[in-house]
Amino acid sequence: MLPRPKEVKPLNDFRLQVLFDNGETKIYDMSKLIEEPFYRKLKISTCLILLK
């Protein structure tokens, strides 16, 4: 059975810390994907939030 995400925390530089239901924790670097058209709006939204 594949572990399922239980908790996700945003980190600096477009990284995510993911805790899985089996207790394993991984950090995913999303910085390359954030340049893709599908994710680009997230980058813009993040920049706007940081400016507030």
PDB file of N, CA and C in Angstrom:
ATOM      1  N   MET A   1       0.833  -1.182   0.000  1.00  0.00           N
ATOM      2  CA  MET A   1       0.000   0.000   0.000  1.00  0.00           C
ATOM      3  C   MET A   1       0.885   1.255   0.000  1.00  0.00           C
ATOM      4  N   LEU A   2       0.538   2.207  -0.808  1.00  0.00           N
ATOM      5  CA  LEU A   2       1.300   3.448  -0.895  1.00  0.00           C
ATOM      6  C   LEU A   2       0.993   4.347   0.299  1.00  0.00           C
ATOM      7  N   PRO A   3       2.029   4.973   0.871  1.00  0.00           N
ATOM      8  CA  PRO A   3       1.765   5.921   1.954  1.00  0.00           C
ATOM      9  C   PRO A   3       1.007   7.133   1.423  1.00  0.00           C
ATOM     10  N   ARG A   4       0.122   7.662   2.264  1.00  0.00           N
ATOM     11  CA  ARG A   4      -0.678   8.830   1.877  1.00  0.00           C
ATOM     12  C   ARG A   4      -0.223  10.048   2.663  1.00  0.00           C
ATOM     13  N   PRO A   5      -0.238  11.213   2.037  1.00  0.00           N
ATOM     14  CA  PRO A   5       0.142  12.426   2.761  1.00  0.00           C
ATOM     15  C   PRO A   5      -0.820  12.684   3.926  1.00  0.00           C
ATOM     16  N   LYS A   6      -0.249  13.010   5.057  1.00  0.00           N
ATOM     17  CA  LYS A   6      -1.039  13.302   6.253  1.00  0.00           C
ATOM     18  C   LYS A   6      -0.984  14.798   6.571  1.00  0.00           C
ATOM     19  N   GLU A   7       0.173  15.401   6.297  1.00  0.00           N
ATOM     20  CA  GLU A   7       0.367  16.820   6.600  1.00  0.00           C
ATOM     21  C   GLU A   7       1.374  17.401   5.614  1.00  0.00           C
ATOM     22  N   VAL A   8       1.124  18.631   5.164  1.00  0.00           N
ATOM     23  CA  VAL A   8       2.038  19.317   4.243  1.00  0.00           C
ATOM     24  C   VAL A   8       2.324  20.703   4.811  1.00  0.00           C
ATOM     25  N   LYS A   9       3.625  21.036   4.910  1.00  0.00           N
ATOM     26  CA  LYS A   9       4.028  22.350   5.409  1.00  0.00           C
ATOM     27  C   LYS A   9       4.852  23.054   4.335  1.00  0.00           C
ATOM     28  N   PRO A  10       4.525  24.315   4.062  1.00  0.00           N
ATOM     29  CA  PRO A  10       5.351  25.063   3.102  1.00  0.00           C
ATOM     30  C   PRO A  10       6.660  25.488   3.767  1.00  0.00           C
ATOM     31  N   LEU A  11       7.738  25.401   3.015  1.00  0.00           N
ATOM     32  CA  LEU A  11       9.056  25.853   3.458  1.00  0.00           C
ATOM     33  C   LEU A  11       9.514  26.969   2.532  1.00  0.00           C
ATOM     34  N   ASN A  12      10.654  27.544   2.815  1.00  0.00           N
ATOM     35  CA  ASN A  12      11.209  28.595   1.947  1.00  0.00           C
ATOM     36  C   ASN A  12      11.597  28.039   0.582  1.00  0.00           C
ATOM     37  N   ASP A  13      11.690  28.943  -0.369  1.00  0.00           N
ATOM     38  CA  ASP A  13      12.183  28.614  -1.718  1.00  0.00           C
ATOM     39  C   ASP A  13      11.357  27.552  -2.426  1.00  0.00           C
ATOM     40  N   PHE A  14      10.042  27.601  -2.259  1.00  0.00           N
ATOM     41  CA  PHE A  14       9.111  26.699  -2.955  1.00  0.00           C
ATOM     42  C   PHE A  14       9.362  25.227  -2.652  1.00  0.00           C
ATOM     43  N   ARG A  15       9.670  24.932  -1.411  1.00  0.00           N
ATOM     44  CA  ARG A  15       9.823  23.542  -0.974  1.00  0.00           C
ATOM     45  C   ARG A  15       8.652  23.176  -0.074  1.00  0.00           C
ATOM     46  N   LEU A  16       8.294  21.909  -0.070  1.00  0.00           N
ATOM     47  CA  LEU A  16       7.213  21.391   0.762  1.00  0.00           C
ATOM     48  C   LEU A  16       7.733  20.250   1.620  1.00  0.00           C
ATOM     49  N   GLN A  17       7.389  20.278   2.909  1.00  0.00           N
ATOM     50  CA  GLN A  17       7.696  19.164   3.804  1.00  0.00           C
ATOM     51  C   GLN A  17       6.419  18.350   3.939  1.00  0.00           C
ATOM     52  N   VAL A  18       6.487  17.074   3.580  1.00  0.00           N
ATOM     53  CA  VAL A  18       5.309  16.213   3.576  1.00  0.00           C
ATOM     54  C   VAL A  18       5.494  15.092   4.598  1.00  0.00           C
ATOM     55  N   LEU A  19       4.534  14.971   5.508  1.00  0.00           N
ATOM     56  CA  LEU A  19       4.499  13.878   6.476  1.00  0.00           C
ATOM     57  C   LEU A  19       3.486  12.864   5.972  1.00  0.00           C
ATOM     58  N   PHE A  20       3.919  11.610   5.868  1.00  0.00           N
ATOM     59  CA  PHE A  20       3.047  10.551   5.373  1.00  0.00           C
ATOM     60  C   PHE A  20       2.465   9.750   6.527  1.00  0.00           C
ATOM     61  N   ASP A  21       1.385   9.024   6.251  1.00  0.00           N
ATOM     62  CA  ASP A  21       0.694   8.270   7.291  1.00  0.00           C
ATOM     63  C   ASP A  21       1.523   7.113   7.856  1.00  0.00           C
ATOM     64  N   ASN A  22       2.636   6.777   7.214  1.00  0.00           N
ATOM     65  CA  ASN A  22       3.518   5.736   7.746  1.00  0.00           C
ATOM     66  C   ASN A  22       4.632   6.329   8.619  1.00  0.00           C
ATOM     67  N   GLY A  23       4.574   7.652   8.875  1.00  0.00           N
ATOM     68  CA  GLY A  23       5.545   8.329   9.719  1.00  0.00           C
ATOM     69  C   GLY A  23       6.735   8.902   8.970  1.00  0.00           C
ATOM     70  N   GLU A  24       6.868   8.590   7.700  1.00  0.00           N
ATOM     71  CA  GLU A  24       7.973   9.086   6.892  1.00  0.00           C
ATOM     72  C   GLU A  24       7.758  10.555   6.537  1.00  0.00           C
ATOM     73  N   THR A  25       8.840  11.329   6.555  1.00  0.00           N
ATOM     74  CA  THR A  25       8.805  12.741   6.170  1.00  0.00           C
ATOM     75  C   THR A  25       9.745  12.950   4.997  1.00  0.00           C
ATOM     76  N   LYS A  26       9.277  13.691   3.992  1.00  0.00           N
ATOM     77  CA  LYS A  26      10.103  14.012   2.824  1.00  0.00           C
ATOM     78  C   LYS A  26       9.960  15.490   2.517  1.00  0.00           C
ATOM     79  N   ILE A  27      11.002  16.046   1.931  1.00  0.00           N
ATOM     80  CA  ILE A  27      10.968  17.429   1.469  1.00  0.00           C
ATOM     81  C   ILE A  27      11.045  17.416  -0.052  1.00  0.00           C
ATOM     82  N   TYR A  28      10.096  18.091  -0.676  1.00  0.00           N
ATOM     83  CA  TYR A  28      10.026  18.151  -2.133  1.00  0.00           C
ATOM     84  C   TYR A  28      10.359  19.567  -2.590  1.00  0.00           C
ATOM     85  N   ASP A  29      11.275  19.670  -3.526  1.00  0.00           N
ATOM     86  CA  ASP A  29      11.668  20.945  -4.105  1.00  0.00           C
ATOM     87  C   ASP A  29      10.770  21.213  -5.312  1.00  0.00           C
ATOM     88  N   MET A  30       9.911  22.204  -5.186  1.00  0.00           N
ATOM     89  CA  MET A  30       8.951  22.523  -6.241  1.00  0.00           C
ATOM     90  C   MET A  30       9.422  23.700  -7.104  1.00  0.00           C
ATOM     91  N   SER A  31      10.655  24.173  -6.879  1.00  0.00           N
ATOM     92  CA  SER A  31      11.127  25.376  -7.567  1.00  0.00           C
ATOM     93  C   SER A  31      11.185  25.222  -9.090  1.00  0.00           C
ATOM     94  N   LYS A  32      11.461  24.040  -9.575  1.00  0.00           N
ATOM     95  CA  LYS A  32      11.483  23.825 -11.029  1.00  0.00           C
ATOM     96  C   LYS A  32      10.057  23.817 -11.600  1.00  0.00           C
ATOM     97  N   LEU A  33       9.147  23.186 -10.879  1.00  0.00           N
ATOM     98  CA  LEU A  33       7.764  23.102 -11.357  1.00  0.00           C
ATOM     99  C   LEU A  33       7.046  24.450 -11.323  1.00  0.00           C
ATOM    100  N   ILE A  34       7.446  25.335 -10.416  1.00  0.00           N
ATOM    101  CA  ILE A  34       6.747  26.607 -10.260  1.00  0.00           C
ATOM    102  C   ILE A  34       6.863  27.470 -11.518  1.00  0.00           C
ATOM    103  N   GLU A  35       7.808  27.153 -12.387  1.00  0.00           N
ATOM    104  CA  GLU A  35       7.955  27.889 -13.650  1.00  0.00           C
ATOM    105  C   GLU A  35       7.036  27.346 -14.747  1.00  0.00           C
ATOM    106  N   GLU A  36       6.457  26.184 -14.541  1.00  0.00           N
ATOM    107  CA  GLU A  36       5.538  25.604 -15.522  1.00  0.00           C
ATOM    108  C   GLU A  36       4.228  26.401 -15.530  1.00  0.00           C
ATOM    109  N   PRO A  37       3.588  26.545 -16.687  1.00  0.00           N
ATOM    110  CA  PRO A  37       2.365  27.340 -16.787  1.00  0.00           C
ATOM    111  C   PRO A  37       1.279  26.957 -15.769  1.00  0.00           C
ATOM    112  N   PHE A  38       1.126  25.671 -15.498  1.00  0.00           N
ATOM    113  CA  PHE A  38       0.076  25.223 -14.578  1.00  0.00           C
ATOM    114  C   PHE A  38       0.282  25.775 -13.169  1.00  0.00           C
ATOM    115  N   TYR A  39       1.535  25.889 -12.737  1.00  0.00           N
ATOM    116  CA  TYR A  39       1.854  26.316 -11.377  1.00  0.00           C
ATOM    117  C   TYR A  39       2.224  27.790 -11.261  1.00  0.00           C
ATOM    118  N   ARG A  40       2.384  28.474 -12.366  1.00  0.00           N
ATOM    119  CA  ARG A  40       2.855  29.859 -12.353  1.00  0.00           C
ATOM    120  C   ARG A  40       1.962  30.771 -11.504  1.00  0.00           C
ATOM    121  N   LYS A  41       0.658  30.534 -11.502  1.00  0.00           N
ATOM    122  CA  LYS A  41      -0.246  31.362 -10.696  1.00  0.00           C
ATOM    123  C   LYS A  41       0.064  31.225  -9.205  1.00  0.00           C
ATOM    124  N   LEU A  42       0.525  30.061  -8.784  1.00  0.00           N
ATOM    125  CA  LEU A  42       0.911  29.884  -7.385  1.00  0.00           C
ATOM    126  C   LEU A  42       2.107  30.766  -7.034  1.00  0.00           C
ATOM    127  N   LYS A  43       3.036  30.890  -7.951  1.00  0.00           N
ATOM    128  CA  LYS A  43       4.214  31.726  -7.720  1.00  0.00           C
ATOM    129  C   LYS A  43       3.787  33.184  -7.580  1.00  0.00           C
ATOM    130  N   ILE A  44       2.903  33.630  -8.444  1.00  0.00           N
ATOM    131  CA  ILE A  44       2.424  35.012  -8.390  1.00  0.00           C
ATOM    132  C   ILE A  44       1.664  35.245  -7.086  1.00  0.00           C
ATOM    133  N   SER A  45       0.802  34.313  -6.690  1.00  0.00           N
ATOM    134  CA  SER A  45       0.039  34.447  -5.455  1.00  0.00           C
ATOM    135  C   SER A  45       0.962  34.499  -4.248  1.00  0.00           C
ATOM    136  N   THR A  46       1.995  33.670  -4.254  1.00  0.00           N
ATOM    137  CA  THR A  46       2.951  33.649  -3.147  1.00  0.00           C
ATOM    138  C   THR A  46       3.668  34.988  -3.043  1.00  0.00           C
ATOM    139  N   CYS A  47       4.053  35.547  -4.155  1.00  0.00           N
ATOM    140  CA  CYS A  47       4.735  36.841  -4.145  1.00  0.00           C
ATOM    141  C   CYS A  47       3.822  37.922  -3.591  1.00  0.00           C
ATOM    142  N   LEU A  48       2.556  37.895  -3.950  1.00  0.00           N
ATOM    143  CA  LEU A  48       1.602  38.890  -3.449  1.00  0.00           C
ATOM    144  C   LEU A  48       1.406  38.748  -1.940  1.00  0.00           C
ATOM    145  N   ILE A  49       1.344  37.530  -1.451  1.00  0.00           N
ATOM    146  CA  ILE A  49       1.179  37.301  -0.010  1.00  0.00           C
ATOM    147  C   ILE A  49       2.401  37.828   0.735  1.00  0.00           C
ATOM    148  N   LEU A  50       3.585  37.605   0.198  1.00  0.00           N
ATOM    149  CA  LEU A  50       4.815  38.063   0.855  1.00  0.00           C
ATOM    150  C   LEU A  50       4.920  39.571   0.890  1.00  0.00           C
ATOM    151  N   LEU A  51       4.283  40.254  -0.067  1.00  0.00           N
ATOM    152  CA  LEU A  51       4.327  41.713  -0.110  1.00  0.00           C
ATOM    153  C   LEU A  51       3.414  42.363   0.931  1.00  0.00           C
ATOM    154  N   LYS A  52       2.426  41.615   1.407  1.00  0.00           N
ATOM    155  CA  LYS A  52       1.469  42.193   2.382  1.00  0.00           C
ATOM    156  C   LYS A  52       2.099  42.403   3.722  1.00  0.00           C
TER     157      LYS A  52
END
